[in-house]
Amino acid sequence: MLSEFKKFLIQGNMVDMAIGFIFGGAFSTVIKSLVDNVIMPPIGMLLGSVNFSQLYVNLSSKTYDSLDSATKAGAPVIKYGQFINDIISFLILGFVIFMFIRTYNKLKTPVVEEVPAVVDENILLLREIRDSLKKK
């Protein structure tokens, strides 16, 4: 049983999948940073200096100055600004993965082996007769 498990882990598909998960996690971090630090600040500036990650709805009866003070007080809040950031990150990540897969599928051409044509014996015999008649 242990040897079967070892064989399963060493197979190419399992290793490829593990590498894909590792790169996917790292790539997700890069995309999140792109959205939070590059894309959302200009959008927030265009919309009147809005910091999307700080947008929230306070569900308690108390009033708080910021999301940080509300969360530190343990108030129930809906962080819809962070949700907007996460949706944008998801869409960008999905688009980039789509482009990678699309490019991969275009580069991956099916290998077509040329099969030598099988010539019927009758055709070979007829060719020999034709060639011998041409010589006469």
Protein backbone atom coordinates (compact mmCIF):
# COMPACT_ATOMS: atom_id res chain seq x y z
CA MET A 1 0.00 0.00 0.00
CA LEU A 2 2.85 2.38 0.83
CA SER A 3 4.55 1.66 -2.49
CA GLU A 4 1.30 2.37 -4.35
CA PHE A 5 0.96 5.69 -2.53
CA LYS A 6 4.58 6.56 -3.38
CA LYS A 7 3.95 5.70 -7.03
CA PHE A 8 0.82 7.88 -6.98
CA LEU A 9 2.74 10.85 -5.56
CA ILE A 10 5.62 10.52 -7.99
CA GLN A 11 3.43 10.36 -11.08
CA GLY A 12 3.81 13.37 -13.36
CA ASN A 13 0.23 14.57 -13.02
CA MET A 14 0.36 14.80 -9.23
CA VAL A 15 3.64 16.71 -9.27
CA ASP A 16 2.34 19.05 -11.99
CA MET A 17 -0.80 19.70 -9.97
CA ALA A 18 1.20 20.47 -6.82
CA ILE A 19 3.41 22.92 -8.72
CA GLY A 20 0.27 24.52 -10.15
CA PHE A 21 -1.19 25.03 -6.67
CA ILE A 22 2.04 26.62 -5.42
CA PHE A 23 2.28 28.98 -8.39
CA GLY A 24 -1.44 29.71 -8.17
CA GLY A 25 -1.13 30.79 -4.55
CA ALA A 26 1.84 33.02 -5.29
CA PHE A 27 0.16 34.46 -8.37
CA SER A 28 -3.00 35.19 -6.39
CA THR A 29 -0.93 37.27 -3.96
CA VAL A 30 0.54 39.26 -6.84
CA ILE A 31 -2.91 39.91 -8.33
CA LYS A 32 -4.27 41.00 -4.94
CA SER A 33 -1.39 43.43 -4.57
CA LEU A 34 -2.01 44.73 -8.11
CA VAL A 35 -5.66 45.39 -7.32
CA ASP A 36 -5.14 46.86 -3.84
CA ASN A 37 -2.07 48.97 -4.61
CA VAL A 38 -2.27 49.86 -8.31
CA ILE A 39 -5.82 49.60 -9.67
CA MET A 40 -8.07 50.64 -6.78
CA PRO A 41 -6.25 53.85 -5.66
CA PRO A 42 -6.77 55.65 -9.02
CA ILE A 43 -10.39 54.44 -9.15
CA GLY A 44 -10.91 55.69 -5.60
CA MET A 45 -9.31 59.02 -6.51
CA LEU A 46 -11.62 59.41 -9.52
CA LEU A 47 -14.60 58.75 -7.26
CA GLY A 48 -13.64 61.43 -4.74
CA SER A 49 -10.78 59.93 -2.72
CA VAL A 50 -12.67 56.78 -1.75
CA ASN A 51 -10.67 53.97 -0.15
CA PHE A 52 -12.73 50.95 -1.16
CA SER A 53 -11.23 48.66 1.46
CA GLN A 54 -12.59 50.98 4.19
CA LEU A 55 -16.20 51.02 2.96
CA TYR A 56 -18.53 49.23 5.34
CA VAL A 57 -22.03 49.11 6.78
CA ASN A 58 -22.28 49.26 10.56
CA LEU A 59 -24.93 46.85 11.85
CA SER A 60 -24.74 47.95 15.48
CA SER A 61 -26.56 50.85 17.11
CA LYS A 62 -23.29 52.65 17.97
CA THR A 63 -21.50 55.03 15.62
CA TYR A 64 -17.85 54.49 14.67
CA ASP A 65 -15.41 56.80 12.88
CA SER A 66 -13.75 54.06 10.84
CA LEU A 67 -13.85 50.40 9.96
CA ASP A 68 -10.84 49.78 12.18
CA SER A 69 -12.51 51.26 15.24
CA ALA A 70 -15.71 49.30 14.55
CA THR A 71 -13.85 45.98 14.19
CA LYS A 72 -11.71 46.68 17.29
CA ALA A 73 -14.91 47.28 19.26
CA GLY A 74 -16.29 43.99 17.96
CA ALA A 75 -19.20 45.64 16.16
CA PRO A 76 -20.89 43.60 13.44
CA VAL A 77 -20.04 45.16 10.08
CA ILE A 78 -20.47 44.33 6.41
CA LYS A 79 -17.19 45.07 4.64
CA TYR A 80 -18.59 45.64 1.16
CA GLY A 81 -15.56 47.70 0.07
CA GLN A 82 -13.23 44.77 0.65
CA PHE A 83 -15.73 42.58 -1.16
CA ILE A 84 -15.50 44.92 -4.19
CA ASN A 85 -11.69 44.62 -4.09
CA ASP A 86 -11.95 40.83 -3.89
CA ILE A 87 -14.36 40.67 -6.85
CA ILE A 88 -11.99 42.76 -8.97
CA SER A 89 -9.06 40.54 -7.93
CA PHE A 90 -11.06 37.44 -8.86
CA LEU A 91 -11.97 38.84 -12.29
CA ILE A 92 -8.38 39.82 -13.09
CA LEU A 93 -7.04 36.47 -11.90
CA GLY A 94 -9.66 34.62 -13.91
CA PHE A 95 -8.84 36.63 -17.04
CA VAL A 96 -5.09 36.06 -16.68
CA ILE A 97 -5.59 32.31 -16.16
CA PHE A 98 -7.90 32.26 -19.19
CA MET A 99 -5.19 33.94 -21.29
CA PHE A 100 -2.55 31.45 -20.10
CA ILE A 101 -4.75 28.47 -20.91
CA ARG A 102 -5.74 29.95 -24.26
CA THR A 103 -2.09 30.49 -25.20
CA TYR A 104 -1.15 27.03 -23.95
CA ASN A 105 -3.88 25.40 -26.04
CA LYS A 106 -2.75 27.29 -29.14
CA LEU A 107 0.86 26.25 -28.63
CA LYS A 108 -0.06 22.66 -27.91
CA THR A 109 -0.53 21.27 -31.38
CA PRO A 110 -1.53 17.67 -31.78
CA VAL A 111 1.33 15.49 -32.93
CA VAL A 112 0.34 13.79 -36.14
CA GLU A 113 2.60 10.96 -37.14
CA GLU A 114 2.88 10.33 -40.81
CA VAL A 115 1.75 6.80 -41.50
CA PRO A 116 3.37 5.27 -44.54
CA ALA A 117 0.82 4.48 -47.18
CA VAL A 118 0.09 0.80 -47.53
CA VAL A 119 0.19 -0.11 -51.18
CA ASP A 120 -1.88 -3.01 -52.35
CA GLU A 121 0.04 -5.90 -53.95
CA ASN A 122 -2.08 -5.66 -57.09
CA ILE A 123 -1.07 -2.04 -57.55
CA LEU A 124 2.60 -2.95 -57.14
CA LEU A 125 2.23 -5.70 -59.74
CA LEU A 126 0.48 -3.33 -62.15
CA ARG A 127 3.27 -0.76 -61.70
CA GLU A 128 5.89 -3.38 -62.47
CA ILE A 129 4.01 -4.39 -65.64
CA ARG A 130 3.68 -0.73 -66.67
CA ASP A 131 7.38 -0.06 -66.09
CA SER A 132 8.42 -3.17 -68.05
CA LEU A 133 6.16 -2.17 -70.96
CA LYS A 134 7.70 1.32 -71.01
CA LYS A 135 11.15 -0.20 -71.32
CA LYS A 136 10.19 -2.24 -74.43
